[in-house]
């Protein structure tokens, strides 16, 4: 499973600009336990879990509304659930 420092929350993409700050600057992978814990990270494992869940949620919108979920609706569902975890 690969991990990377997040460029920005909006995209979740790899922060190539800070590659030199990682343990091994020849690769963009962040190594858990060796990197700064105050940075934000994303990884293949979380993405592999989230993809099927988002498709399943979108299917519920198709069944109820006759169309796939809009990006803002998926974001709202995530925020609704995630905010409940951090209260």
Protein backbone atom coordinates (compact mmCIF):
# COMPACT_ATOMS: atom_id res chain seq x y z
CA UNK A 1 0.00 0.00 0.00
CA UNK A 2 1.41 3.39 -0.99
CA UNK A 3 1.06 6.62 0.95
CA UNK A 4 1.78 10.20 -0.12
CA UNK A 5 1.78 13.67 1.35
CA UNK A 6 -1.35 15.51 0.20
CA UNK A 7 -0.91 18.52 -2.08
CA UNK A 8 -4.26 19.98 -1.04
CA UNK A 9 -7.47 18.72 0.52
CA UNK A 10 -9.55 19.62 -2.54
CA UNK A 11 -7.74 17.16 -4.84
CA UNK A 12 -6.02 14.74 -2.43
CA UNK A 13 -3.24 14.49 -4.99
CA UNK A 14 0.48 13.95 -4.38
CA UNK A 15 2.48 16.92 -3.16
CA UNK A 16 5.41 16.67 -5.60
CA UNK A 17 6.76 20.04 -4.36
CA UNK A 18 7.60 18.58 -0.94
CA UNK A 19 9.09 15.35 -2.21
CA UNK A 20 12.52 16.45 -0.95
CA UNK A 21 11.20 16.51 2.65
CA UNK A 22 10.29 12.84 2.62
CA UNK A 23 12.51 10.10 4.07
CA UNK A 24 13.55 8.95 0.60
CA UNK A 25 13.56 11.93 -1.77
CA UNK A 26 13.97 9.65 -4.82
CA UNK A 27 10.34 8.55 -4.55
CA UNK A 28 7.12 10.34 -3.63
CA UNK A 29 5.97 7.63 -1.23
CA UNK A 30 5.65 8.67 2.39
CA UNK A 31 6.67 6.01 4.86
CA UNK A 32 4.44 5.77 7.96
CA UNK A 33 6.49 6.08 11.12
CA UNK A 34 9.30 7.92 9.32
CA UNK A 35 7.53 11.10 8.19
CA UNK A 36 6.20 14.17 10.01
CA UNK A 37 2.90 13.27 11.64
CA UNK A 38 1.53 16.83 11.38
CA UNK A 39 1.41 16.66 7.55
CA UNK A 40 -1.64 15.33 5.72
CA UNK A 41 -1.38 11.98 3.94
CA UNK A 42 -3.48 9.95 1.51
CA UNK A 43 -2.97 6.41 0.34
CA UNK A 44 -3.93 3.59 -1.99
CA UNK A 45 -5.68 1.69 0.81
CA UNK A 46 -8.09 4.47 1.78
CA UNK A 47 -8.73 5.25 -1.89
CA UNK A 48 -9.40 1.56 -2.65
CA UNK A 49 -12.02 1.50 0.13
CA UNK A 50 -13.65 4.81 -0.77
CA UNK A 51 -14.12 4.20 -4.52
CA UNK A 52 -16.65 1.35 -4.22
CA UNK A 53 -18.48 3.15 -1.39
CA UNK A 54 -18.91 6.31 -3.50
CA UNK A 55 -20.19 4.24 -6.44
CA UNK A 56 -22.66 2.49 -4.12
CA UNK A 57 -23.91 5.83 -2.77
CA UNK A 58 -24.29 7.14 -6.31
CA UNK A 59 -26.40 4.08 -7.19
CA UNK A 60 -28.78 5.05 -4.36
CA UNK A 61 -29.17 8.48 -5.96
CA UNK A 62 -29.84 6.84 -9.33
CA UNK A 63 -32.54 4.66 -7.79
CA UNK A 64 -34.18 7.53 -5.89
CA UNK A 65 -33.60 10.50 -8.22
CA UNK A 66 -33.00 8.87 -11.60
CA UNK A 67 -29.47 10.28 -11.85
CA UNK A 68 -26.04 9.71 -10.34
CA UNK A 69 -25.00 11.67 -7.28
CA UNK A 70 -23.48 15.06 -7.92
CA UNK A 71 -19.97 15.70 -6.60
CA UNK A 72 -21.30 18.22 -4.07
CA UNK A 73 -23.81 15.64 -2.80
CA UNK A 74 -21.06 13.06 -2.28
CA UNK A 75 -18.97 15.70 -0.52
CA UNK A 76 -21.93 16.58 1.70
CA UNK A 77 -22.51 12.92 2.61
CA UNK A 78 -18.84 12.56 3.51
CA UNK A 79 -18.85 15.77 5.56
CA UNK A 80 -22.06 14.78 7.35
CA UNK A 81 -20.55 11.46 8.43
CA UNK A 82 -17.02 12.71 9.04
CA UNK A 83 -18.13 15.68 11.12
CA UNK A 84 -20.04 13.28 13.38
CA UNK A 85 -16.80 11.41 14.07
CA UNK A 86 -14.98 14.53 15.26
CA UNK A 87 -17.52 16.07 17.63
